[in-house]
N, C-alpha and C. Protein backbone atom coordinates (compact mmCIF):
# COMPACT_ATOMS: atom_id res chain seq x y z
N MET A 1 -91.75 -90.92 138.61
CA MET A 1 -92.58 -90.99 137.42
C MET A 1 -92.01 -91.95 136.38
N ALA A 2 -90.67 -91.88 136.19
CA ALA A 2 -90.03 -92.76 135.21
C ALA A 2 -90.24 -94.22 135.57
N GLY A 3 -90.26 -94.51 136.88
CA GLY A 3 -90.48 -95.89 137.32
C GLY A 3 -91.84 -96.41 136.91
N LYS A 4 -92.86 -95.55 136.98
CA LYS A 4 -94.22 -95.95 136.59
C LYS A 4 -94.30 -96.20 135.09
N VAL A 5 -93.63 -95.35 134.32
CA VAL A 5 -93.62 -95.51 132.86
C VAL A 5 -92.95 -96.83 132.49
N GLU A 6 -91.81 -97.11 133.11
CA GLU A 6 -91.11 -98.36 132.82
C GLU A 6 -91.93 -99.58 133.25
N ALA A 7 -92.62 -99.46 134.38
CA ALA A 7 -93.46 -100.56 134.85
C ALA A 7 -94.61 -100.82 133.87
N ARG A 8 -95.22 -99.74 133.36
CA ARG A 8 -96.31 -99.91 132.37
C ARG A 8 -95.78 -100.53 131.09
N LYS A 9 -94.59 -100.08 130.69
CA LYS A 9 -93.99 -100.63 129.46
C LYS A 9 -93.67 -102.11 129.65
N ALA A 10 -93.14 -102.47 130.80
CA ALA A 10 -92.83 -103.88 131.08
C ALA A 10 -94.10 -104.72 131.10
N ALA A 11 -95.16 -104.18 131.69
CA ALA A 11 -96.44 -104.90 131.73
C ALA A 11 -97.00 -105.08 130.33
N LEU A 12 -96.87 -104.05 129.50
CA LEU A 12 -97.34 -104.15 128.11
C LEU A 12 -96.51 -105.18 127.36
N ARG A 13 -95.21 -105.15 127.55
CA ARG A 13 -94.34 -106.14 126.88
C ARG A 13 -94.78 -107.56 127.26
N GLN A 14 -95.05 -107.76 128.55
CA GLN A 14 -95.47 -109.07 129.03
C GLN A 14 -96.78 -109.49 128.37
N ARG A 15 -97.76 -108.58 128.31
CA ARG A 15 -99.05 -108.89 127.69
C ARG A 15 -98.89 -109.22 126.21
N LEU A 16 -98.03 -108.46 125.54
CA LEU A 16 -97.81 -108.70 124.10
C LEU A 16 -97.16 -110.06 123.86
N VAL A 17 -96.17 -110.40 124.66
CA VAL A 17 -95.51 -111.70 124.49
C VAL A 17 -96.48 -112.84 124.78
N GLU A 18 -97.26 -112.72 125.84
CA GLU A 18 -98.23 -113.76 126.17
C GLU A 18 -99.29 -113.91 125.08
N ALA A 19 -99.77 -112.77 124.56
CA ALA A 19 -100.77 -112.80 123.48
C ALA A 19 -100.17 -113.41 122.21
N ALA A 20 -98.92 -113.02 121.91
CA ALA A 20 -98.25 -113.55 120.72
C ALA A 20 -98.04 -115.05 120.86
N GLU A 21 -97.67 -115.50 122.06
CA GLU A 21 -97.45 -116.93 122.28
C GLU A 21 -98.73 -117.73 122.00
N ILE A 22 -99.85 -117.21 122.46
CA ILE A 22 -101.14 -117.89 122.21
C ILE A 22 -101.43 -117.95 120.72
N ARG A 23 -101.25 -116.82 120.03
CA ARG A 23 -101.53 -116.79 118.58
C ARG A 23 -100.58 -117.68 117.80
N ILE A 24 -99.29 -117.65 118.15
CA ILE A 24 -98.31 -118.48 117.44
C ILE A 24 -98.62 -119.95 117.68
N ALA A 25 -98.95 -120.32 118.91
CA ALA A 25 -99.28 -121.72 119.21
C ALA A 25 -100.47 -122.18 118.38
N ARG A 26 -101.42 -121.30 118.19
CA ARG A 26 -102.63 -121.68 117.45
C ARG A 26 -102.46 -121.60 115.93
N ASP A 27 -101.87 -120.50 115.45
CA ASP A 27 -101.89 -120.21 114.01
C ASP A 27 -100.52 -120.23 113.34
N GLY A 28 -99.44 -120.25 114.12
CA GLY A 28 -98.10 -120.18 113.55
C GLY A 28 -97.59 -118.75 113.52
N ALA A 29 -96.27 -118.59 113.52
CA ALA A 29 -95.66 -117.26 113.56
C ALA A 29 -95.97 -116.45 112.31
N GLY A 30 -96.12 -117.12 111.18
CA GLY A 30 -96.40 -116.42 109.93
C GLY A 30 -97.74 -115.71 109.92
N ALA A 31 -98.64 -116.10 110.80
CA ALA A 31 -99.98 -115.50 110.85
C ALA A 31 -100.06 -114.35 111.86
N LEU A 32 -98.95 -114.05 112.54
CA LEU A 32 -98.98 -113.00 113.56
C LEU A 32 -99.11 -111.63 112.90
N ARG A 33 -100.13 -110.87 113.29
CA ARG A 33 -100.40 -109.54 112.75
C ARG A 33 -100.50 -108.53 113.89
N ALA A 34 -99.95 -107.35 113.66
CA ALA A 34 -99.92 -106.32 114.70
C ALA A 34 -101.33 -105.94 115.16
N ARG A 35 -102.27 -105.80 114.25
CA ARG A 35 -103.63 -105.39 114.62
C ARG A 35 -104.28 -106.42 115.54
N ASP A 36 -104.13 -107.70 115.21
CA ASP A 36 -104.70 -108.76 116.06
C ASP A 36 -104.02 -108.78 117.43
N LEU A 37 -102.71 -108.63 117.42
CA LEU A 37 -101.94 -108.66 118.66
C LEU A 37 -102.33 -107.49 119.57
N ALA A 38 -102.51 -106.30 118.97
CA ALA A 38 -102.92 -105.13 119.75
C ALA A 38 -104.28 -105.37 120.39
N GLN A 39 -105.18 -105.95 119.64
CA GLN A 39 -106.52 -106.24 120.17
C GLN A 39 -106.42 -107.24 121.33
N ASP A 40 -105.64 -108.28 121.15
CA ASP A 40 -105.48 -109.30 122.20
C ASP A 40 -104.87 -108.71 123.48
N ALA A 41 -103.90 -107.80 123.30
CA ALA A 41 -103.19 -107.23 124.45
C ALA A 41 -103.88 -106.01 125.03
N GLY A 42 -104.94 -105.53 124.34
CA GLY A 42 -105.68 -104.37 124.83
C GLY A 42 -104.91 -103.07 124.71
N CYS A 43 -104.25 -102.88 123.56
CA CYS A 43 -103.49 -101.64 123.36
C CYS A 43 -103.66 -101.18 121.92
N ALA A 44 -103.17 -99.99 121.63
CA ALA A 44 -103.18 -99.47 120.26
C ALA A 44 -102.04 -100.14 119.47
N VAL A 45 -102.22 -100.19 118.16
CA VAL A 45 -101.17 -100.79 117.32
C VAL A 45 -99.84 -100.06 117.53
N GLY A 46 -99.87 -98.75 117.60
CA GLY A 46 -98.65 -97.97 117.78
C GLY A 46 -97.92 -98.30 119.08
N ALA A 47 -98.69 -98.69 120.10
CA ALA A 47 -98.07 -99.02 121.39
C ALA A 47 -97.16 -100.23 121.29
N ILE A 48 -97.45 -101.13 120.35
CA ILE A 48 -96.60 -102.30 120.15
C ILE A 48 -95.17 -101.86 119.86
N TYR A 49 -95.05 -100.84 119.01
CA TYR A 49 -93.73 -100.41 118.55
C TYR A 49 -93.04 -99.48 119.53
N ASN A 50 -93.75 -99.11 120.60
CA ASN A 50 -93.08 -98.43 121.72
C ASN A 50 -92.48 -99.45 122.66
N ALA A 51 -93.05 -100.66 122.66
CA ALA A 51 -92.57 -101.73 123.55
C ALA A 51 -91.53 -102.61 122.88
N PHE A 52 -91.66 -102.83 121.58
CA PHE A 52 -90.74 -103.68 120.81
C PHE A 52 -90.39 -102.98 119.50
N ASP A 53 -89.23 -103.29 118.95
CA ASP A 53 -88.83 -102.69 117.68
C ASP A 53 -89.75 -103.11 116.54
N ASP A 54 -90.12 -104.40 116.55
CA ASP A 54 -90.97 -104.93 115.48
C ASP A 54 -91.54 -106.27 115.91
N LEU A 55 -92.33 -106.88 115.04
CA LEU A 55 -92.94 -108.18 115.37
C LEU A 55 -91.88 -109.26 115.51
N THR A 56 -90.78 -109.14 114.78
CA THR A 56 -89.69 -110.13 114.90
C THR A 56 -89.16 -110.17 116.33
N ALA A 57 -89.04 -109.01 116.96
CA ALA A 57 -88.55 -108.96 118.34
C ALA A 57 -89.54 -109.65 119.29
N ILE A 58 -90.82 -109.53 119.00
CA ILE A 58 -91.83 -110.21 119.84
C ILE A 58 -91.74 -111.72 119.63
N ILE A 59 -91.58 -112.14 118.40
CA ILE A 59 -91.44 -113.58 118.12
C ILE A 59 -90.18 -114.12 118.79
N MET A 60 -89.10 -113.33 118.77
CA MET A 60 -87.87 -113.75 119.46
C MET A 60 -88.13 -113.94 120.95
N ALA A 61 -88.90 -113.04 121.55
CA ALA A 61 -89.22 -113.16 122.97
C ALA A 61 -90.03 -114.43 123.23
N VAL A 62 -90.98 -114.72 122.35
CA VAL A 62 -91.76 -115.96 122.48
C VAL A 62 -90.84 -117.16 122.32
N ASN A 63 -89.94 -117.09 121.35
CA ASN A 63 -89.00 -118.19 121.12
C ASN A 63 -88.12 -118.44 122.33
N GLY A 64 -87.71 -117.36 123.00
CA GLY A 64 -86.91 -117.52 124.21
C GLY A 64 -87.66 -118.30 125.27
N ARG A 65 -88.95 -118.01 125.43
CA ARG A 65 -89.78 -118.75 126.39
C ARG A 65 -89.93 -120.20 125.95
N THR A 66 -90.08 -120.41 124.65
CA THR A 66 -90.23 -121.77 124.14
C THR A 66 -88.96 -122.58 124.36
N PHE A 67 -87.80 -121.96 124.10
CA PHE A 67 -86.52 -122.65 124.34
C PHE A 67 -86.40 -123.06 125.80
N GLN A 68 -86.82 -122.19 126.72
CA GLN A 68 -86.75 -122.52 128.14
C GLN A 68 -87.65 -123.71 128.47
N LYS A 69 -88.86 -123.72 127.92
CA LYS A 69 -89.79 -124.83 128.16
C LYS A 69 -89.26 -126.13 127.55
N LEU A 70 -88.71 -126.01 126.35
CA LEU A 70 -88.13 -127.18 125.70
C LEU A 70 -86.96 -127.71 126.52
N GLY A 71 -86.07 -126.81 126.96
CA GLY A 71 -84.94 -127.22 127.77
C GLY A 71 -85.37 -127.91 129.06
N ALA A 72 -86.42 -127.38 129.70
CA ALA A 72 -86.93 -127.99 130.93
C ALA A 72 -87.49 -129.38 130.66
N SER A 73 -88.15 -129.55 129.52
CA SER A 73 -88.72 -130.85 129.15
C SER A 73 -87.61 -131.87 128.89
N VAL A 74 -86.58 -131.44 128.17
CA VAL A 74 -85.45 -132.32 127.87
C VAL A 74 -84.72 -132.69 129.15
N GLU A 75 -84.50 -131.71 130.02
CA GLU A 75 -83.81 -131.96 131.28
C GLU A 75 -84.61 -132.92 132.17
N ALA A 76 -85.92 -132.72 132.22
CA ALA A 76 -86.78 -133.59 133.04
C ALA A 76 -86.76 -135.04 132.56
N SER A 77 -86.53 -135.23 131.27
CA SER A 77 -86.56 -136.59 130.71
C SER A 77 -85.44 -137.48 131.25
N VAL A 78 -84.38 -136.85 131.75
CA VAL A 78 -83.25 -137.64 132.27
C VAL A 78 -83.00 -137.40 133.76
N ALA A 79 -83.88 -136.63 134.38
CA ALA A 79 -83.72 -136.38 135.82
C ALA A 79 -83.82 -137.70 136.58
N GLY A 80 -82.84 -137.95 137.44
CA GLY A 80 -82.82 -139.19 138.20
C GLY A 80 -82.42 -140.41 137.39
N ARG A 81 -81.96 -140.20 136.16
CA ARG A 81 -81.60 -141.33 135.28
C ARG A 81 -80.09 -141.38 135.04
N GLU A 82 -79.32 -140.86 135.99
CA GLU A 82 -77.87 -140.80 135.82
C GLU A 82 -77.24 -142.18 135.66
N ALA A 83 -77.89 -143.22 136.17
CA ALA A 83 -77.35 -144.58 136.07
C ALA A 83 -77.52 -145.16 134.67
N GLU A 84 -78.39 -144.56 133.88
CA GLU A 84 -78.60 -145.03 132.50
C GLU A 84 -77.34 -144.76 131.68
N SER A 85 -77.15 -145.52 130.62
CA SER A 85 -75.99 -145.30 129.75
C SER A 85 -76.11 -143.94 129.07
N PRO A 86 -75.00 -143.36 128.64
CA PRO A 86 -75.06 -142.07 127.93
C PRO A 86 -75.94 -142.15 126.68
N THR A 87 -75.84 -143.27 125.97
CA THR A 87 -76.66 -143.42 124.75
C THR A 87 -78.14 -143.44 125.11
N ARG A 88 -78.49 -144.16 126.18
CA ARG A 88 -79.90 -144.22 126.59
C ARG A 88 -80.40 -142.84 127.00
N ARG A 89 -79.56 -142.06 127.68
CA ARG A 89 -79.97 -140.71 128.08
C ARG A 89 -80.15 -139.82 126.86
N LEU A 90 -79.30 -139.96 125.87
CA LEU A 90 -79.47 -139.19 124.62
C LEU A 90 -80.79 -139.57 123.94
N ILE A 91 -81.12 -140.85 123.95
CA ILE A 91 -82.39 -141.29 123.35
C ILE A 91 -83.58 -140.72 124.13
N LEU A 92 -83.51 -140.75 125.45
CA LEU A 92 -84.59 -140.20 126.27
C LEU A 92 -84.78 -138.70 126.00
N MET A 93 -83.66 -137.97 125.90
CA MET A 93 -83.75 -136.54 125.61
C MET A 93 -84.31 -136.29 124.21
N SER A 94 -83.89 -137.12 123.28
CA SER A 94 -84.38 -136.97 121.90
C SER A 94 -85.88 -137.24 121.82
N ASN A 95 -86.34 -138.24 122.56
CA ASN A 95 -87.77 -138.52 122.59
C ASN A 95 -88.55 -137.37 123.22
N ALA A 96 -87.97 -136.77 124.26
CA ALA A 96 -88.61 -135.60 124.89
C ALA A 96 -88.69 -134.46 123.88
N TYR A 97 -87.62 -134.28 123.10
CA TYR A 97 -87.59 -133.25 122.05
C TYR A 97 -88.70 -133.52 121.03
N LEU A 98 -88.80 -134.76 120.59
CA LEU A 98 -89.84 -135.14 119.64
C LEU A 98 -91.22 -134.85 120.20
N HIS A 99 -91.49 -135.28 121.43
CA HIS A 99 -92.82 -135.09 122.01
C HIS A 99 -93.14 -133.62 122.21
N PHE A 100 -92.13 -132.82 122.56
CA PHE A 100 -92.35 -131.38 122.67
C PHE A 100 -92.74 -130.81 121.31
N ALA A 101 -92.03 -131.23 120.27
CA ALA A 101 -92.32 -130.74 118.92
C ALA A 101 -93.73 -131.13 118.47
N VAL A 102 -94.14 -132.35 118.80
CA VAL A 102 -95.48 -132.81 118.43
C VAL A 102 -96.55 -132.02 119.17
N GLU A 103 -96.33 -131.80 120.46
CA GLU A 103 -97.34 -131.15 121.30
C GLU A 103 -97.36 -129.63 121.16
N ASN A 104 -96.28 -129.05 120.64
CA ASN A 104 -96.16 -127.59 120.51
C ASN A 104 -95.63 -127.23 119.13
N THR A 105 -96.19 -127.84 118.11
CA THR A 105 -95.60 -127.76 116.77
C THR A 105 -95.37 -126.32 116.29
N ASN A 106 -96.36 -125.46 116.39
CA ASN A 106 -96.21 -124.10 115.87
C ASN A 106 -95.17 -123.30 116.66
N LEU A 107 -95.16 -123.46 117.97
CA LEU A 107 -94.15 -122.76 118.77
C LEU A 107 -92.75 -123.31 118.48
N TRP A 108 -92.65 -124.62 118.35
CA TRP A 108 -91.37 -125.27 118.03
C TRP A 108 -90.86 -124.79 116.67
N ARG A 109 -91.74 -124.75 115.67
CA ARG A 109 -91.33 -124.32 114.33
C ARG A 109 -90.89 -122.86 114.33
N ALA A 110 -91.56 -122.04 115.15
CA ALA A 110 -91.23 -120.61 115.18
C ALA A 110 -89.78 -120.39 115.62
N MET A 111 -89.24 -121.29 116.43
CA MET A 111 -87.85 -121.15 116.88
C MET A 111 -86.87 -121.26 115.72
N PHE A 112 -87.24 -121.98 114.69
CA PHE A 112 -86.30 -122.26 113.59
C PHE A 112 -86.69 -121.57 112.29
N ASP A 113 -87.92 -121.10 112.19
CA ASP A 113 -88.39 -120.48 110.95
C ASP A 113 -88.22 -118.97 110.93
N LEU A 114 -87.85 -118.38 112.05
CA LEU A 114 -87.75 -116.92 112.13
C LEU A 114 -86.63 -116.41 111.23
N ARG A 115 -86.98 -115.49 110.35
CA ARG A 115 -85.99 -114.89 109.47
C ARG A 115 -85.59 -113.54 110.04
N MET A 116 -84.30 -113.39 110.25
CA MET A 116 -83.79 -112.13 110.77
C MET A 116 -83.06 -111.39 109.65
N ALA A 117 -83.06 -110.06 109.76
CA ALA A 117 -82.37 -109.26 108.76
C ALA A 117 -80.86 -109.49 108.90
N ALA A 118 -80.17 -109.39 107.77
CA ALA A 118 -78.71 -109.55 107.78
C ALA A 118 -78.10 -108.53 108.73
N GLY A 119 -77.20 -108.98 109.56
CA GLY A 119 -76.54 -108.07 110.49
C GLY A 119 -77.24 -107.95 111.83
N ASP A 120 -78.48 -108.46 111.95
CA ASP A 120 -79.17 -108.43 113.25
C ASP A 120 -78.46 -109.36 114.22
N ALA A 121 -78.16 -108.87 115.38
CA ALA A 121 -77.50 -109.69 116.40
C ALA A 121 -78.54 -110.52 117.15
N VAL A 122 -78.21 -111.77 117.41
CA VAL A 122 -79.08 -112.61 118.22
C VAL A 122 -78.88 -112.19 119.67
N PRO A 123 -79.98 -111.90 120.39
CA PRO A 123 -79.83 -111.44 121.78
C PRO A 123 -79.10 -112.47 122.65
N ASP A 124 -78.37 -111.95 123.64
CA ASP A 124 -77.62 -112.82 124.56
C ASP A 124 -78.53 -113.80 125.29
N TRP A 125 -79.72 -113.35 125.72
CA TRP A 125 -80.62 -114.22 126.47
C TRP A 125 -81.10 -115.38 125.61
N TYR A 126 -81.20 -115.13 124.30
CA TYR A 126 -81.63 -116.17 123.37
C TYR A 126 -80.53 -117.23 123.23
N LEU A 127 -79.30 -116.75 123.10
CA LEU A 127 -78.16 -117.66 122.99
C LEU A 127 -77.98 -118.47 124.28
N LYS A 128 -78.25 -117.85 125.44
CA LYS A 128 -78.14 -118.55 126.71
C LYS A 128 -79.18 -119.67 126.80
N ALA A 129 -80.40 -119.40 126.30
CA ALA A 129 -81.45 -120.44 126.32
C ALA A 129 -81.03 -121.61 125.44
N LEU A 130 -80.42 -121.31 124.29
CA LEU A 130 -79.95 -122.37 123.40
C LEU A 130 -78.78 -123.13 124.04
N ASP A 131 -77.87 -122.39 124.67
CA ASP A 131 -76.74 -123.04 125.35
C ASP A 131 -77.22 -123.97 126.47
N SER A 132 -78.28 -123.56 127.16
CA SER A 132 -78.83 -124.39 128.23
C SER A 132 -79.34 -125.71 127.67
N LEU A 133 -79.99 -125.64 126.51
CA LEU A 133 -80.47 -126.86 125.85
C LEU A 133 -79.29 -127.75 125.46
N PHE A 134 -78.25 -127.15 124.88
CA PHE A 134 -77.08 -127.92 124.46
C PHE A 134 -76.32 -128.51 125.66
N ALA A 135 -76.38 -127.82 126.81
CA ALA A 135 -75.69 -128.33 128.00
C ALA A 135 -76.24 -129.68 128.43
N ASN A 136 -77.53 -129.90 128.22
CA ASN A 136 -78.13 -131.20 128.54
C ASN A 136 -77.52 -132.32 127.70
N ILE A 137 -77.25 -132.00 126.45
CA ILE A 137 -76.69 -132.99 125.52
C ILE A 137 -75.20 -133.21 125.79
N ALA A 138 -74.54 -132.15 126.24
CA ALA A 138 -73.08 -132.20 126.40
C ALA A 138 -72.63 -133.24 127.42
N GLN A 139 -73.40 -133.45 128.49
CA GLN A 139 -72.99 -134.39 129.54
C GLN A 139 -72.81 -135.81 128.98
N PRO A 140 -73.84 -136.42 128.36
CA PRO A 140 -73.62 -137.77 127.84
C PRO A 140 -72.63 -137.82 126.67
N VAL A 141 -72.57 -136.75 125.89
CA VAL A 141 -71.58 -136.71 124.80
C VAL A 141 -70.17 -136.75 125.38
N GLY A 142 -69.93 -136.03 126.47
CA GLY A 142 -68.63 -136.05 127.13
C GLY A 142 -68.28 -137.43 127.65
N GLU A 143 -69.29 -138.18 128.11
CA GLU A 143 -69.05 -139.54 128.60
C GLU A 143 -68.75 -140.49 127.45
N LEU A 144 -69.42 -140.29 126.32
CA LEU A 144 -69.20 -141.17 125.16
C LEU A 144 -67.87 -140.88 124.48
N PHE A 145 -67.46 -139.62 124.50
CA PHE A 145 -66.25 -139.21 123.78
C PHE A 145 -65.32 -138.42 124.72
N PRO A 146 -64.76 -139.10 125.73
CA PRO A 146 -63.94 -138.38 126.72
C PRO A 146 -62.65 -137.81 126.16
N ASP A 147 -62.21 -138.30 125.01
CA ASP A 147 -60.94 -137.82 124.46
C ASP A 147 -61.09 -136.60 123.57
N LYS A 148 -62.33 -136.18 123.29
CA LYS A 148 -62.52 -135.00 122.44
C LYS A 148 -62.23 -133.74 123.24
N ASP A 149 -61.58 -132.78 122.58
CA ASP A 149 -61.36 -131.50 123.26
C ASP A 149 -62.68 -130.73 123.25
N ALA A 150 -62.70 -129.58 123.95
CA ALA A 150 -63.94 -128.83 124.13
C ALA A 150 -64.56 -128.42 122.80
N GLY A 151 -63.73 -128.01 121.85
CA GLY A 151 -64.25 -127.59 120.54
C GLY A 151 -64.88 -128.75 119.78
N GLU A 152 -64.21 -129.90 119.78
CA GLU A 152 -64.75 -131.08 119.09
C GLU A 152 -66.02 -131.58 119.77
N ALA A 153 -66.04 -131.56 121.10
CA ALA A 153 -67.22 -132.00 121.84
C ALA A 153 -68.41 -131.09 121.56
N SER A 154 -68.16 -129.78 121.50
CA SER A 154 -69.22 -128.82 121.19
C SER A 154 -69.78 -129.06 119.80
N LEU A 155 -68.88 -129.35 118.86
CA LEU A 155 -69.32 -129.64 117.49
C LEU A 155 -70.15 -130.92 117.45
N MET A 156 -69.76 -131.93 118.22
CA MET A 156 -70.51 -133.18 118.28
C MET A 156 -71.90 -132.94 118.86
N VAL A 157 -72.00 -132.12 119.91
CA VAL A 157 -73.30 -131.80 120.50
C VAL A 157 -74.21 -131.17 119.45
N ARG A 158 -73.69 -130.22 118.71
CA ARG A 158 -74.50 -129.55 117.69
C ARG A 158 -74.84 -130.49 116.54
N ALA A 159 -73.92 -131.39 116.22
CA ALA A 159 -74.19 -132.36 115.15
C ALA A 159 -75.31 -133.31 115.57
N LEU A 160 -75.27 -133.80 116.81
CA LEU A 160 -76.32 -134.69 117.28
C LEU A 160 -77.67 -133.98 117.35
N PHE A 161 -77.64 -132.73 117.84
CA PHE A 161 -78.88 -131.95 117.88
C PHE A 161 -79.43 -131.79 116.46
N SER A 162 -78.57 -131.46 115.52
CA SER A 162 -79.00 -131.25 114.13
C SER A 162 -79.56 -132.53 113.53
N ALA A 163 -78.93 -133.66 113.84
CA ALA A 163 -79.40 -134.95 113.32
C ALA A 163 -80.80 -135.27 113.85
N VAL A 164 -80.97 -135.13 115.16
CA VAL A 164 -82.29 -135.42 115.77
C VAL A 164 -83.32 -134.43 115.25
N HIS A 165 -82.95 -133.15 115.19
CA HIS A 165 -83.89 -132.14 114.69
C HIS A 165 -84.33 -132.46 113.27
N GLY A 166 -83.38 -132.86 112.43
CA GLY A 166 -83.71 -133.20 111.05
C GLY A 166 -84.66 -134.38 110.96
N ILE A 167 -84.41 -135.41 111.75
CA ILE A 167 -85.29 -136.58 111.76
C ILE A 167 -86.69 -136.17 112.20
N VAL A 168 -86.78 -135.37 113.25
CA VAL A 168 -88.08 -134.93 113.77
C VAL A 168 -88.79 -134.07 112.73
N LEU A 169 -88.09 -133.10 112.16
CA LEU A 169 -88.68 -132.19 111.18
C LEU A 169 -89.21 -132.95 109.96
N LEU A 170 -88.36 -133.79 109.39
CA LEU A 170 -88.78 -134.54 108.20
C LEU A 170 -89.90 -135.51 108.53
N GLY A 171 -89.85 -136.12 109.70
CA GLY A 171 -90.90 -137.04 110.10
C GLY A 171 -92.24 -136.34 110.28
N LEU A 172 -92.22 -135.20 110.97
CA LEU A 172 -93.47 -134.47 111.22
C LEU A 172 -94.04 -133.87 109.94
N GLU A 173 -93.17 -133.54 109.00
CA GLU A 173 -93.64 -132.97 107.75
C GLU A 173 -93.96 -134.05 106.70
N GLN A 174 -93.67 -135.30 107.07
CA GLN A 174 -93.91 -136.41 106.15
C GLN A 174 -93.20 -136.21 104.81
N ARG A 175 -91.96 -135.74 104.90
CA ARG A 175 -91.15 -135.57 103.69
C ARG A 175 -90.70 -136.93 103.18
N ILE A 176 -90.18 -136.96 101.98
CA ILE A 176 -89.79 -138.21 101.34
C ILE A 176 -88.86 -139.05 102.22
N SER A 177 -87.86 -138.40 102.85
CA SER A 177 -86.91 -139.17 103.66
C SER A 177 -87.39 -139.36 105.10
N GLY A 178 -88.54 -138.81 105.42
CA GLY A 178 -89.09 -138.98 106.76
C GLY A 178 -89.73 -140.34 106.92
N VAL A 179 -90.07 -140.66 108.14
CA VAL A 179 -90.76 -141.92 108.43
C VAL A 179 -92.10 -141.57 109.06
N PRO A 180 -93.02 -142.53 109.11
CA PRO A 180 -94.30 -142.24 109.76
C PRO A 180 -94.06 -141.79 111.20
N PRO A 181 -94.89 -140.88 111.71
CA PRO A 181 -94.67 -140.35 113.06
C PRO A 181 -94.48 -141.42 114.13
N GLU A 182 -95.19 -142.52 114.00
CA GLU A 182 -95.08 -143.57 115.03
C GLU A 182 -93.73 -144.29 115.00
N ARG A 183 -92.91 -144.04 113.97
CA ARG A 183 -91.61 -144.71 113.90
C ARG A 183 -90.44 -143.75 114.08
N ILE A 184 -90.72 -142.49 114.38
CA ILE A 184 -89.64 -141.51 114.54
C ILE A 184 -88.75 -141.88 115.72
N GLU A 185 -89.35 -142.30 116.83
CA GLU A 185 -88.53 -142.69 118.00
C GLU A 185 -87.58 -143.81 117.64
N GLN A 186 -88.06 -144.78 116.87
CA GLN A 186 -87.22 -145.91 116.48
C GLN A 186 -86.06 -145.43 115.60
N MET A 187 -86.35 -144.53 114.69
CA MET A 187 -85.30 -144.01 113.80
C MET A 187 -84.23 -143.27 114.60
N ILE A 188 -84.67 -142.44 115.54
CA ILE A 188 -83.72 -141.70 116.39
C ILE A 188 -82.85 -142.68 117.17
N ALA A 189 -83.47 -143.70 117.76
CA ALA A 189 -82.73 -144.69 118.55
C ALA A 189 -81.69 -145.40 117.70
N GLN A 190 -82.06 -145.76 116.47
CA GLN A 190 -81.10 -146.45 115.60
C GLN A 190 -79.87 -145.60 115.35
N VAL A 191 -80.07 -144.32 115.07
CA VAL A 191 -78.94 -143.42 114.80
C VAL A 191 -78.07 -143.26 116.04
N LEU A 192 -78.69 -142.97 117.19
CA LEU A 192 -77.93 -142.74 118.40
C LEU A 192 -77.23 -143.99 118.90
N GLU A 193 -77.84 -145.14 118.73
CA GLU A 193 -77.20 -146.39 119.16
C GLU A 193 -75.94 -146.65 118.34
N GLN A 194 -75.97 -146.32 117.06
CA GLN A 194 -74.78 -146.50 116.23
C GLN A 194 -73.67 -145.54 116.67
N ILE A 195 -74.03 -144.30 116.99
CA ILE A 195 -73.03 -143.35 117.45
C ILE A 195 -72.45 -143.79 118.79
N GLY A 196 -73.32 -144.33 119.65
CA GLY A 196 -72.88 -144.80 120.97
C GLY A 196 -71.93 -145.96 120.92
N LYS A 197 -71.94 -146.73 119.81
CA LYS A 197 -71.00 -147.86 119.67
C LYS A 197 -69.61 -147.38 119.34
N LYS A 198 -69.50 -146.15 118.82
CA LYS A 198 -68.20 -145.57 118.41
C LYS A 198 -67.48 -146.53 117.50
């Protein structure tokens, strides 16, 4: 009997995450409401909170799926391109990141806009999805900076990710320091080419 209950709960969790993903993609995470989600998933509002602690946990689950899709897109951008220079591979991955953000803007934003309560632990599966994304960047960074120890190399990976993310975010939002969307790739390339010159 317990197996059937757990299977129903898992199926409900799956339906809720899929429904939330559709709503977030269309309207953004800030527009996610329990009543709408329950209707989409075909359950009572109370059933949501039997499957997840709160809406934040559902958004985290959607974000985990988005990180995996983003990581796959970034990885695919350099598949079979091992002969390219490390700088060129970083540019290709950055362009894949940009195109993913453009094509999935609300899901992409949800990964970074989620506010968690102080003291809430980030789930291990979420950190693993992020680490997988960073692992793609780590390979060419290691080639460009072979003398950096593991800690310095990890910091460089995060710095490059942050730089590209900032360029993409400001560009897509058309902020003062951003550039027109059609020039974001050029801006990313300029920054990475300078780093690649060491």
